[in-house]
Structures are given as C-alpha cells and as structure tokens.
Amino acid sequence: MQLINVGFGNTVMVDRIIAVVNTGSSPARKLKEIAKESGKLVDVTEGRRTRSMLVMDSSHVVLSSIQSDTISQRLASLQQDPYMRAAKEEEKRSNARTAQPI
C-alpha cells in the first residue's frame, strides 16, 4: 500500500487513483459539480485555490491545491523500480563527489 501526499498532510492510496485532472476545463468543473451533488467530493485544499482533481476508483473526486504536474511526478517516482531509484541516487552522489569547485 503506497500513499501519496496531496497537500497539507493529506494522503490518498496510489492504487485507487484513476486520473489526475487539471481544473480549468468545463468537463472538469462539471465532474466537480456531479461529485458534490452525489456527496463524493473531498476538498483538501484548506481554502486555497484548487489546482488539481484526483478521480478515484470509488468515484470520489479529491480536490487538491497541488498542481497536477507535481502530483503526476510524485506518482511516477513512486512507480519507478526501487533498484533504478537507488542507482540514480548513487549516481547523483558520485557526481557530487567528483565535481570540481570553480
């Protein structure tokens, strides 16, 4: 079970996310309205501007103040192979050690 931070210490299960949506389009606003009417809207923005919506497999819609690109990057990093992630971190440390000061 992996969790992803969607802002202000709130987390959702990665396996339950179907889509991460920008809020600017008319269909996104309609989706938000339908979720609100059906009691399946979860607002975790704490009064800030909504920047992304997460559609869950339970048909809940989670409103977040974190941009959809940032959430997508977090999802991608969680789904990356752990061995590849460790190799990239080691490469960064190695490059930092060999970098010559100017």
N, C-alpha and C. Protein backbone atom coordinates (compact mmCIF):
# COMPACT_ATOMS: atom_id res chain seq x y z
N MET A 1 0.85 -1.18 0.00
CA MET A 1 0.00 0.00 0.00
C MET A 1 0.88 1.24 0.00
N GLN A 2 0.80 2.01 -1.07
CA GLN A 2 1.57 3.25 -1.15
C GLN A 2 0.62 4.43 -1.08
N LEU A 3 1.06 5.46 -0.36
CA LEU A 3 0.28 6.68 -0.22
C LEU A 3 1.01 7.82 -0.89
N ILE A 4 0.24 8.79 -1.39
CA ILE A 4 0.84 9.97 -1.99
C ILE A 4 0.26 11.21 -1.31
N ASN A 5 1.13 12.17 -1.03
CA ASN A 5 0.71 13.41 -0.39
C ASN A 5 0.00 14.29 -1.42
N VAL A 6 -1.22 14.71 -1.09
CA VAL A 6 -1.98 15.59 -1.98
C VAL A 6 -2.15 16.97 -1.37
N GLY A 7 -1.37 17.27 -0.36
CA GLY A 7 -1.35 18.60 0.22
C GLY A 7 -1.77 18.64 1.68
N PHE A 8 -1.04 19.42 2.46
CA PHE A 8 -1.35 19.69 3.85
C PHE A 8 -1.45 18.43 4.69
N GLY A 9 -0.58 17.46 4.41
CA GLY A 9 -0.54 16.24 5.19
C GLY A 9 -1.62 15.23 4.84
N ASN A 10 -2.40 15.50 3.83
CA ASN A 10 -3.44 14.58 3.39
C ASN A 10 -2.86 13.63 2.35
N THR A 11 -3.22 12.36 2.47
CA THR A 11 -2.70 11.35 1.54
C THR A 11 -3.83 10.53 0.96
N VAL A 12 -3.59 9.98 -0.23
CA VAL A 12 -4.53 9.04 -0.85
C VAL A 12 -3.74 7.82 -1.30
N MET A 13 -4.43 6.70 -1.46
CA MET A 13 -3.79 5.48 -1.91
C MET A 13 -3.50 5.57 -3.40
N VAL A 14 -2.27 5.28 -3.78
CA VAL A 14 -1.84 5.36 -5.17
C VAL A 14 -2.64 4.40 -6.04
N ASP A 15 -2.90 3.19 -5.55
CA ASP A 15 -3.59 2.17 -6.34
C ASP A 15 -5.04 2.53 -6.66
N ARG A 16 -5.60 3.49 -5.94
CA ARG A 16 -7.02 3.84 -6.13
C ARG A 16 -7.20 5.04 -7.06
N ILE A 17 -6.12 5.69 -7.47
CA ILE A 17 -6.21 6.86 -8.34
C ILE A 17 -6.43 6.40 -9.78
N ILE A 18 -7.46 6.94 -10.41
CA ILE A 18 -7.73 6.65 -11.82
C ILE A 18 -7.15 7.75 -12.70
N ALA A 19 -7.32 9.02 -12.30
CA ALA A 19 -6.86 10.13 -13.13
C ALA A 19 -6.50 11.34 -12.27
N VAL A 20 -5.57 12.14 -12.78
CA VAL A 20 -5.23 13.43 -12.20
C VAL A 20 -5.60 14.46 -13.25
N VAL A 21 -6.51 15.38 -12.91
CA VAL A 21 -7.12 16.28 -13.88
C VAL A 21 -6.83 17.73 -13.53
N ASN A 22 -6.54 18.54 -14.56
CA ASN A 22 -6.47 20.00 -14.38
C ASN A 22 -7.89 20.52 -14.17
N THR A 23 -8.01 21.63 -13.48
CA THR A 23 -9.33 22.13 -13.12
C THR A 23 -9.87 23.18 -14.09
N GLY A 24 -9.12 23.56 -15.10
CA GLY A 24 -9.52 24.66 -15.96
C GLY A 24 -10.62 24.36 -16.96
N SER A 25 -10.84 23.13 -17.31
CA SER A 25 -11.78 22.82 -18.38
C SER A 25 -13.22 22.74 -17.87
N SER A 26 -14.14 22.90 -18.78
CA SER A 26 -15.56 22.80 -18.46
C SER A 26 -15.95 21.39 -18.00
N PRO A 27 -15.45 20.32 -18.65
CA PRO A 27 -15.77 18.98 -18.15
C PRO A 27 -15.26 18.73 -16.72
N ALA A 28 -14.13 19.31 -16.37
CA ALA A 28 -13.60 19.15 -15.01
C ALA A 28 -14.52 19.83 -14.01
N ARG A 29 -15.01 21.02 -14.35
CA ARG A 29 -15.94 21.71 -13.45
C ARG A 29 -17.24 20.92 -13.31
N LYS A 30 -17.70 20.32 -14.41
CA LYS A 30 -18.91 19.50 -14.37
C LYS A 30 -18.70 18.26 -13.49
N LEU A 31 -17.53 17.65 -13.61
CA LEU A 31 -17.19 16.48 -12.78
C LEU A 31 -17.21 16.86 -11.31
N LYS A 32 -16.67 18.02 -10.99
CA LYS A 32 -16.67 18.51 -9.60
C LYS A 32 -18.10 18.72 -9.11
N GLU A 33 -18.93 19.30 -9.94
CA GLU A 33 -20.32 19.57 -9.57
C GLU A 33 -21.09 18.27 -9.33
N ILE A 34 -20.90 17.29 -10.20
CA ILE A 34 -21.58 16.00 -10.06
C ILE A 34 -21.14 15.30 -8.77
N ALA A 35 -19.84 15.34 -8.50
CA ALA A 35 -19.32 14.70 -7.27
C ALA A 35 -19.88 15.38 -6.03
N LYS A 36 -20.00 16.70 -6.08
CA LYS A 36 -20.54 17.43 -4.94
C LYS A 36 -22.00 17.07 -4.70
N GLU A 37 -22.78 16.98 -5.77
CA GLU A 37 -24.20 16.64 -5.65
C GLU A 37 -24.40 15.22 -5.10
N SER A 38 -23.49 14.32 -5.47
CA SER A 38 -23.64 12.93 -5.02
C SER A 38 -22.93 12.66 -3.69
N GLY A 39 -22.34 13.67 -3.09
CA GLY A 39 -21.69 13.51 -1.79
C GLY A 39 -20.35 12.79 -1.87
N LYS A 40 -19.70 12.83 -3.03
CA LYS A 40 -18.43 12.14 -3.20
C LYS A 40 -17.27 13.10 -3.48
N LEU A 41 -17.42 14.34 -3.07
CA LEU A 41 -16.38 15.34 -3.25
C LEU A 41 -15.60 15.49 -1.95
N VAL A 42 -14.28 15.37 -2.03
CA VAL A 42 -13.40 15.54 -0.87
C VAL A 42 -12.49 16.72 -1.16
N ASP A 43 -12.63 17.78 -0.37
CA ASP A 43 -11.86 19.01 -0.56
C ASP A 43 -10.74 19.07 0.47
N VAL A 44 -9.49 18.93 0.01
CA VAL A 44 -8.34 19.00 0.92
C VAL A 44 -7.49 20.25 0.64
N THR A 45 -8.10 21.27 0.06
CA THR A 45 -7.36 22.49 -0.31
C THR A 45 -7.16 23.43 0.87
N GLU A 46 -7.90 23.25 1.95
CA GLU A 46 -7.86 24.12 3.12
C GLU A 46 -8.06 25.58 2.74
N GLY A 47 -9.03 25.82 1.85
CA GLY A 47 -9.39 27.18 1.48
C GLY A 47 -8.55 27.79 0.38
N ARG A 48 -7.54 27.09 -0.07
CA ARG A 48 -6.70 27.63 -1.15
C ARG A 48 -7.30 27.29 -2.51
N ARG A 49 -6.72 27.84 -3.54
CA ARG A 49 -7.20 27.61 -4.90
C ARG A 49 -7.02 26.15 -5.30
N THR A 50 -8.04 25.57 -5.92
CA THR A 50 -7.96 24.19 -6.40
C THR A 50 -7.15 24.16 -7.68
N ARG A 51 -6.08 23.37 -7.69
CA ARG A 51 -5.21 23.29 -8.87
C ARG A 51 -5.29 21.94 -9.57
N SER A 52 -5.78 20.92 -8.87
CA SER A 52 -5.92 19.61 -9.50
C SER A 52 -7.04 18.82 -8.83
N MET A 53 -7.54 17.85 -9.59
CA MET A 53 -8.57 16.95 -9.09
C MET A 53 -8.11 15.53 -9.31
N LEU A 54 -8.27 14.71 -8.30
CA LEU A 54 -7.93 13.29 -8.42
C LEU A 54 -9.23 12.50 -8.47
N VAL A 55 -9.39 11.71 -9.50
CA VAL A 55 -10.56 10.86 -9.64
C VAL A 55 -10.16 9.49 -9.12
N MET A 56 -10.95 8.99 -8.17
CA MET A 56 -10.64 7.73 -7.51
C MET A 56 -11.52 6.61 -8.07
N ASP A 57 -11.11 5.37 -7.84
CA ASP A 57 -11.86 4.23 -8.36
C ASP A 57 -13.22 4.05 -7.68
N SER A 58 -13.44 4.72 -6.56
CA SER A 58 -14.72 4.67 -5.86
C SER A 58 -15.66 5.77 -6.34
N SER A 59 -15.28 6.46 -7.39
CA SER A 59 -15.96 7.61 -7.98
C SER A 59 -15.94 8.85 -7.08
N HIS A 60 -15.06 8.85 -6.08
CA HIS A 60 -14.83 10.07 -5.30
C HIS A 60 -13.92 10.98 -6.12
N VAL A 61 -14.06 12.28 -5.88
CA VAL A 61 -13.19 13.28 -6.50
C VAL A 61 -12.52 14.05 -5.38
N VAL A 62 -11.19 14.07 -5.39
CA VAL A 62 -10.41 14.75 -4.37
C VAL A 62 -9.86 16.05 -4.97
N LEU A 63 -10.19 17.18 -4.35
CA LEU A 63 -9.67 18.47 -4.79
C LEU A 63 -8.39 18.77 -4.04
N SER A 64 -7.36 19.16 -4.78
CA SER A 64 -6.05 19.44 -4.18
C SER A 64 -5.55 20.80 -4.63
N SER A 65 -4.77 21.44 -3.78
CA SER A 65 -4.17 22.73 -4.14
C SER A 65 -2.78 22.54 -4.75
N ILE A 66 -2.36 21.29 -4.93
CA ILE A 66 -1.08 21.00 -5.59
C ILE A 66 -1.34 20.81 -7.08
N GLN A 67 -0.44 21.33 -7.91
CA GLN A 67 -0.63 21.25 -9.35
C GLN A 67 -0.60 19.80 -9.82
N SER A 68 -1.35 19.53 -10.88
CA SER A 68 -1.47 18.16 -11.39
C SER A 68 -0.12 17.63 -11.88
N ASP A 69 0.74 18.49 -12.43
CA ASP A 69 2.06 18.06 -12.87
C ASP A 69 2.89 17.54 -11.69
N THR A 70 2.80 18.23 -10.57
CA THR A 70 3.54 17.82 -9.38
C THR A 70 3.05 16.47 -8.87
N ILE A 71 1.75 16.28 -8.85
CA ILE A 71 1.19 15.00 -8.40
C ILE A 71 1.60 13.89 -9.37
N SER A 72 1.56 14.18 -10.66
CA SER A 72 1.96 13.18 -11.66
C SER A 72 3.43 12.79 -11.48
N GLN A 73 4.29 13.76 -11.18
CA GLN A 73 5.70 13.46 -10.94
C GLN A 73 5.87 12.60 -9.70
N ARG A 74 5.09 12.88 -8.67
CA ARG A 74 5.17 12.07 -7.44
C ARG A 74 4.72 10.64 -7.72
N LEU A 75 3.67 10.49 -8.52
CA LEU A 75 3.20 9.16 -8.88
C LEU A 75 4.26 8.41 -9.68
N ALA A 76 4.89 9.10 -10.63
CA ALA A 76 5.91 8.47 -11.46
C ALA A 76 7.10 8.02 -10.61
N SER A 77 7.50 8.84 -9.64
CA SER A 77 8.65 8.46 -8.81
C SER A 77 8.31 7.28 -7.90
N LEU A 78 7.06 7.17 -7.47
CA LEU A 78 6.67 6.04 -6.63
C LEU A 78 6.61 4.75 -7.42
N GLN A 79 6.24 4.85 -8.70
CA GLN A 79 6.09 3.66 -9.52
C GLN A 79 7.40 3.21 -10.16
N GLN A 80 8.43 4.02 -9.99
CA GLN A 80 9.73 3.68 -10.57
C GLN A 80 10.32 2.48 -9.83
N ASP A 81 11.04 1.66 -10.53
CA ASP A 81 11.68 0.48 -9.95
C ASP A 81 12.61 0.91 -8.81
N PRO A 82 12.52 0.30 -7.61
CA PRO A 82 13.35 0.72 -6.49
C PRO A 82 14.85 0.59 -6.76
N TYR A 83 15.25 -0.39 -7.57
CA TYR A 83 16.67 -0.54 -7.88
C TYR A 83 17.15 0.60 -8.77
N MET A 84 16.29 1.02 -9.71
CA MET A 84 16.64 2.15 -10.58
C MET A 84 16.75 3.43 -9.76
N ARG A 85 15.84 3.60 -8.81
CA ARG A 85 15.85 4.79 -7.97
C ARG A 85 17.14 4.84 -7.15
N ALA A 86 17.54 3.70 -6.58
CA ALA A 86 18.77 3.64 -5.79
C ALA A 86 19.99 3.91 -6.66
N ALA A 87 20.00 3.40 -7.89
CA ALA A 87 21.12 3.64 -8.80
C ALA A 87 21.22 5.11 -9.17
N LYS A 88 20.09 5.77 -9.40
CA LYS A 88 20.12 7.20 -9.74
C LYS A 88 20.62 8.03 -8.57
N GLU A 89 20.20 7.67 -7.35
CA GLU A 89 20.66 8.39 -6.17
C GLU A 89 22.16 8.22 -6.00
N GLU A 90 22.67 7.00 -6.21
CA GLU A 90 24.10 6.75 -6.11
C GLU A 90 24.87 7.53 -7.16
N GLU A 91 24.33 7.61 -8.37
CA GLU A 91 24.97 8.36 -9.45
C GLU A 91 25.04 9.85 -9.11
N LYS A 92 23.98 10.39 -8.51
CA LYS A 92 23.98 11.79 -8.10
C LYS A 92 25.05 12.05 -7.05
N ARG A 93 25.16 11.13 -6.07
CA ARG A 93 26.18 11.29 -5.02
C ARG A 93 27.57 11.20 -5.61
N SER A 94 27.76 10.29 -6.54
CA SER A 94 29.05 10.12 -7.19
C SER A 94 29.43 11.37 -7.98
N ASN A 95 28.48 11.93 -8.72
CA ASN A 95 28.73 13.15 -9.49
C ASN A 95 29.02 14.32 -8.58
N ALA A 96 28.37 14.39 -7.43
CA ALA A 96 28.61 15.47 -6.49
C ALA A 96 30.03 15.39 -5.91
N ARG A 97 30.51 14.14 -5.68
CA ARG A 97 31.85 13.97 -5.12
C ARG A 97 32.94 14.31 -6.14
N THR A 98 32.68 14.03 -7.41
CA THR A 98 33.71 14.23 -8.43
C THR A 98 33.67 15.63 -9.04
N ALA A 99 32.65 16.41 -8.72
CA ALA A 99 32.55 17.76 -9.29
C ALA A 99 33.68 18.62 -8.75
N GLN A 100 34.33 19.34 -9.63
CA GLN A 100 35.44 20.21 -9.25
C GLN A 100 34.90 21.60 -8.92
N PRO A 101 35.30 22.15 -7.79
CA PRO A 101 34.87 23.52 -7.47
C PRO A 101 35.54 24.52 -8.41
N ILE A 102 34.82 25.55 -8.73
CA ILE A 102 35.34 26.57 -9.66
C ILE A 102 36.06 27.66 -8.92
